[in-house]
Amino acid sequence: MLVLVGLPTVFATPGDTAHVIVAVPGWATILLVLLQLVAAVVASWPARPAWAAVPVTLLAAATLVTERPRRRWLVSTDRLAR
């Protein structure tokens, strides 16, 4: 859990968050978000009953859809940095 909270706190894309400790390109932020979602889904199934793990999985899937504009923006910042 510390890794899932600590990594996005330390590593961030400038312009995506207000305070950036270590600047990383947009693709790295995208990978961190995917890591968090995968960890949430994978950990929820053995740790929780199915009735609790299903909503976690559905929320992770919904996040993939709702974060599309942010991912597009993060990828576009990579092109500007080159």
N, C-alpha and C. Protein backbone atom coordinates (compact mmCIF):
# COMPACT_ATOMS: atom_id res chain seq x y z
N MET A 1 0.82 -1.19 0.00
CA MET A 1 0.00 0.00 0.00
C MET A 1 0.87 1.25 0.00
N LEU A 2 1.94 1.23 0.76
CA LEU A 2 2.83 2.38 0.81
C LEU A 2 3.37 2.72 -0.58
N VAL A 3 3.68 1.69 -1.35
CA VAL A 3 4.18 1.91 -2.71
C VAL A 3 3.11 2.55 -3.57
N LEU A 4 1.87 2.10 -3.44
CA LEU A 4 0.79 2.63 -4.28
C LEU A 4 0.43 4.06 -3.93
N VAL A 5 0.67 4.46 -2.70
CA VAL A 5 0.42 5.85 -2.31
C VAL A 5 1.67 6.69 -2.51
N GLY A 6 2.82 6.14 -2.17
CA GLY A 6 4.07 6.88 -2.22
C GLY A 6 4.56 7.20 -3.61
N LEU A 7 4.48 6.24 -4.53
CA LEU A 7 4.99 6.48 -5.87
C LEU A 7 4.30 7.65 -6.57
N PRO A 8 2.95 7.71 -6.59
CA PRO A 8 2.33 8.87 -7.24
C PRO A 8 2.55 10.18 -6.49
N THR A 9 2.85 10.10 -5.21
CA THR A 9 3.14 11.31 -4.45
C THR A 9 4.50 11.87 -4.84
N VAL A 10 5.46 10.99 -5.05
CA VAL A 10 6.83 11.42 -5.37
C VAL A 10 6.98 11.72 -6.86
N PHE A 11 6.47 10.84 -7.70
CA PHE A 11 6.65 10.97 -9.14
C PHE A 11 5.37 11.51 -9.78
N ALA A 12 5.48 12.62 -10.49
CA ALA A 12 4.31 13.22 -11.14
C ALA A 12 4.73 13.97 -12.39
N THR A 13 3.77 14.15 -13.27
CA THR A 13 4.00 14.91 -14.50
C THR A 13 3.71 16.38 -14.22
N PRO A 14 4.64 17.26 -14.54
CA PRO A 14 4.38 18.70 -14.35
C PRO A 14 3.12 19.13 -15.10
N GLY A 15 2.29 19.89 -14.42
CA GLY A 15 1.03 20.34 -15.01
C GLY A 15 -0.13 19.43 -14.68
N ASP A 16 0.16 18.19 -14.27
CA ASP A 16 -0.89 17.25 -13.91
C ASP A 16 -1.26 17.39 -12.44
N THR A 17 -0.30 17.70 -11.62
CA THR A 17 -0.54 17.92 -10.20
C THR A 17 0.07 19.25 -9.77
N ALA A 18 -0.39 19.76 -8.66
CA ALA A 18 0.08 21.07 -8.20
C ALA A 18 1.53 21.03 -7.73
N HIS A 19 1.90 19.98 -7.02
CA HIS A 19 3.25 19.89 -6.45
C HIS A 19 3.94 18.67 -7.03
N VAL A 20 5.06 18.89 -7.69
CA VAL A 20 5.83 17.81 -8.29
C VAL A 20 7.17 17.71 -7.57
N ILE A 21 7.43 16.55 -6.98
CA ILE A 21 8.71 16.34 -6.30
C ILE A 21 9.74 15.87 -7.33
N VAL A 22 9.40 14.79 -8.05
CA VAL A 22 10.26 14.28 -9.13
C VAL A 22 9.43 14.29 -10.40
N ALA A 23 9.84 15.08 -11.38
CA ALA A 23 9.10 15.19 -12.63
C ALA A 23 9.35 13.96 -13.50
N VAL A 24 8.26 13.40 -14.02
CA VAL A 24 8.35 12.26 -14.93
C VAL A 24 7.49 12.56 -16.15
N PRO A 25 7.77 11.89 -17.27
CA PRO A 25 6.95 12.10 -18.45
C PRO A 25 5.55 11.53 -18.26
N GLY A 26 4.65 11.93 -19.12
CA GLY A 26 3.25 11.50 -19.02
C GLY A 26 3.07 10.00 -19.04
N TRP A 27 3.85 9.30 -19.86
CA TRP A 27 3.70 7.85 -19.94
C TRP A 27 3.98 7.18 -18.59
N ALA A 28 4.89 7.75 -17.81
CA ALA A 28 5.19 7.18 -16.49
C ALA A 28 4.01 7.35 -15.54
N THR A 29 3.34 8.49 -15.62
CA THR A 29 2.15 8.70 -14.80
C THR A 29 1.05 7.73 -15.20
N ILE A 30 0.89 7.50 -16.49
CA ILE A 30 -0.10 6.54 -16.98
C ILE A 30 0.20 5.15 -16.44
N LEU A 31 1.46 4.76 -16.47
CA LEU A 31 1.84 3.44 -15.94
C LEU A 31 1.58 3.33 -14.44
N LEU A 32 1.82 4.41 -13.70
CA LEU A 32 1.55 4.39 -12.26
C LEU A 32 0.05 4.20 -11.99
N VAL A 33 -0.78 4.87 -12.76
CA VAL A 33 -2.24 4.73 -12.59
C VAL A 33 -2.65 3.29 -12.92
N LEU A 34 -2.11 2.74 -14.00
CA LEU A 34 -2.44 1.36 -14.36
C LEU A 34 -1.97 0.39 -13.28
N LEU A 35 -0.80 0.63 -12.72
CA LEU A 35 -0.30 -0.21 -11.62
C LEU A 35 -1.27 -0.18 -10.44
N GLN A 36 -1.76 0.99 -10.10
CA GLN A 36 -2.70 1.11 -8.99
C GLN A 36 -3.99 0.35 -9.27
N LEU A 37 -4.51 0.47 -10.49
CA LEU A 37 -5.76 -0.20 -10.82
C LEU A 37 -5.59 -1.72 -10.82
N VAL A 38 -4.51 -2.19 -11.40
CA VAL A 38 -4.26 -3.63 -11.43
C VAL A 38 -4.08 -4.16 -10.00
N ALA A 39 -3.34 -3.45 -9.18
CA ALA A 39 -3.12 -3.88 -7.79
C ALA A 39 -4.44 -3.92 -7.03
N ALA A 40 -5.30 -2.95 -7.25
CA ALA A 40 -6.59 -2.93 -6.55
C ALA A 40 -7.45 -4.12 -6.94
N VAL A 41 -7.50 -4.41 -8.23
CA VAL A 41 -8.34 -5.52 -8.69
C VAL A 41 -7.76 -6.86 -8.25
N VAL A 42 -6.47 -7.05 -8.45
CA VAL A 42 -5.85 -8.33 -8.10
C VAL A 42 -5.93 -8.58 -6.60
N ALA A 43 -5.70 -7.57 -5.79
CA ALA A 43 -5.73 -7.75 -4.34
C ALA A 43 -7.15 -7.92 -3.80
N SER A 44 -8.13 -7.35 -4.48
CA SER A 44 -9.49 -7.41 -3.95
C SER A 44 -10.08 -8.82 -4.03
N TRP A 45 -9.73 -9.58 -5.05
CA TRP A 45 -10.36 -10.90 -5.21
C TRP A 45 -9.99 -11.89 -4.12
N PRO A 46 -8.74 -12.07 -3.75
CA PRO A 46 -8.47 -13.01 -2.66
C PRO A 46 -8.77 -12.43 -1.27
N ALA A 47 -8.77 -11.11 -1.16
CA ALA A 47 -8.93 -10.48 0.15
C ALA A 47 -10.38 -10.22 0.53
N ARG A 48 -11.27 -10.18 -0.42
CA ARG A 48 -12.67 -9.81 -0.17
C ARG A 48 -13.60 -10.86 -0.77
N PRO A 49 -14.82 -10.92 -0.27
CA PRO A 49 -15.80 -11.80 -0.92
C PRO A 49 -16.14 -11.22 -2.30
N ALA A 50 -16.69 -12.06 -3.15
CA ALA A 50 -16.98 -11.66 -4.53
C ALA A 50 -17.89 -10.44 -4.58
N TRP A 51 -18.86 -10.34 -3.67
CA TRP A 51 -19.78 -9.20 -3.71
C TRP A 51 -19.05 -7.88 -3.46
N ALA A 52 -17.87 -7.93 -2.83
CA ALA A 52 -17.08 -6.72 -2.61
C ALA A 52 -16.03 -6.53 -3.71
N ALA A 53 -15.53 -7.63 -4.27
CA ALA A 53 -14.50 -7.54 -5.30
C ALA A 53 -15.08 -7.10 -6.65
N VAL A 54 -16.31 -7.47 -6.92
CA VAL A 54 -16.94 -7.08 -8.19
C VAL A 54 -17.02 -5.55 -8.32
N PRO A 55 -17.50 -4.82 -7.31
CA PRO A 55 -17.52 -3.36 -7.46
C PRO A 55 -16.13 -2.74 -7.64
N VAL A 56 -15.12 -3.31 -6.99
CA VAL A 56 -13.76 -2.81 -7.17
C VAL A 56 -13.35 -2.97 -8.63
N THR A 57 -13.64 -4.12 -9.20
CA THR A 57 -13.31 -4.38 -10.60
C THR A 57 -14.08 -3.44 -11.52
N LEU A 58 -15.36 -3.23 -11.24
CA LEU A 58 -16.16 -2.33 -12.06
C LEU A 58 -15.68 -0.89 -11.96
N LEU A 59 -15.30 -0.46 -10.76
CA LEU A 59 -14.77 0.89 -10.60
C LEU A 59 -13.43 1.06 -11.34
N ALA A 60 -12.61 0.04 -11.32
CA ALA A 60 -11.34 0.11 -12.05
C ALA A 60 -11.60 0.21 -13.55
N ALA A 61 -12.57 -0.55 -14.04
CA ALA A 61 -12.92 -0.47 -15.46
C ALA A 61 -13.48 0.90 -15.80
N ALA A 62 -14.32 1.44 -14.93
CA ALA A 62 -14.88 2.77 -15.17
C ALA A 62 -13.78 3.83 -15.17
N THR A 63 -12.78 3.64 -14.33
CA THR A 63 -11.65 4.58 -14.30
C THR A 63 -10.90 4.58 -15.62
N LEU A 64 -10.75 3.41 -16.22
CA LEU A 64 -10.07 3.35 -17.51
C LEU A 64 -10.82 4.18 -18.56
N VAL A 65 -12.13 4.20 -18.47
CA VAL A 65 -12.94 4.96 -19.43
C VAL A 65 -12.89 6.46 -19.10
N THR A 66 -13.10 6.80 -17.84
CA THR A 66 -13.19 8.21 -17.47
C THR A 66 -11.84 8.93 -17.52
N GLU A 67 -10.74 8.19 -17.44
CA GLU A 67 -9.41 8.81 -17.47
C GLU A 67 -8.87 8.97 -18.89
N ARG A 68 -9.64 8.62 -19.91
CA ARG A 68 -9.15 8.73 -21.29
C ARG A 68 -8.70 10.15 -21.64
N PRO A 69 -9.47 11.20 -21.33
CA PRO A 69 -8.99 12.55 -21.65
C PRO A 69 -7.67 12.89 -20.94
N ARG A 70 -7.54 12.47 -19.72
CA ARG A 70 -6.30 12.74 -18.99
C ARG A 70 -5.13 12.00 -19.63
N ARG A 71 -5.35 10.74 -20.02
CA ARG A 71 -4.28 9.99 -20.69
C ARG A 71 -3.88 10.66 -22.00
N ARG A 72 -4.86 11.13 -22.76
CA ARG A 72 -4.55 11.84 -24.01
C ARG A 72 -3.69 13.07 -23.72
N TRP A 73 -4.06 13.81 -22.68
CA TRP A 73 -3.30 15.00 -22.32
C TRP A 73 -1.89 14.63 -21.89
N LEU A 74 -1.76 13.59 -21.07
CA LEU A 74 -0.43 13.17 -20.62
C LEU A 74 0.44 12.74 -21.78
N VAL A 75 -0.12 12.05 -22.75
CA VAL A 75 0.64 11.64 -23.92
C VAL A 75 1.01 12.87 -24.75
N SER A 76 0.13 13.84 -24.85
CA SER A 76 0.44 15.05 -25.63
C SER A 76 1.55 15.86 -24.96
N THR A 77 1.66 15.82 -23.64
CA THR A 77 2.74 16.54 -22.97
C THR A 77 4.08 15.89 -23.29
N ASP A 78 4.07 14.57 -23.54
CA ASP A 78 5.30 13.89 -23.92
C ASP A 78 5.81 14.40 -25.26
N ARG A 79 4.90 14.64 -26.20
CA ARG A 79 5.30 15.14 -27.52
C ARG A 79 5.88 16.54 -27.41
N LEU A 80 5.34 17.36 -26.52
CA LEU A 80 5.85 18.72 -26.36
C LEU A 80 7.23 18.73 -25.73
N ALA A 81 7.52 17.74 -24.91
CA ALA A 81 8.80 17.71 -24.19
C ALA A 81 9.95 17.29 -25.09
N ARG A 82 9.66 16.66 -26.21
CA ARG A 82 10.74 16.14 -27.06
C ARG A 82 11.38 17.19 -27.88
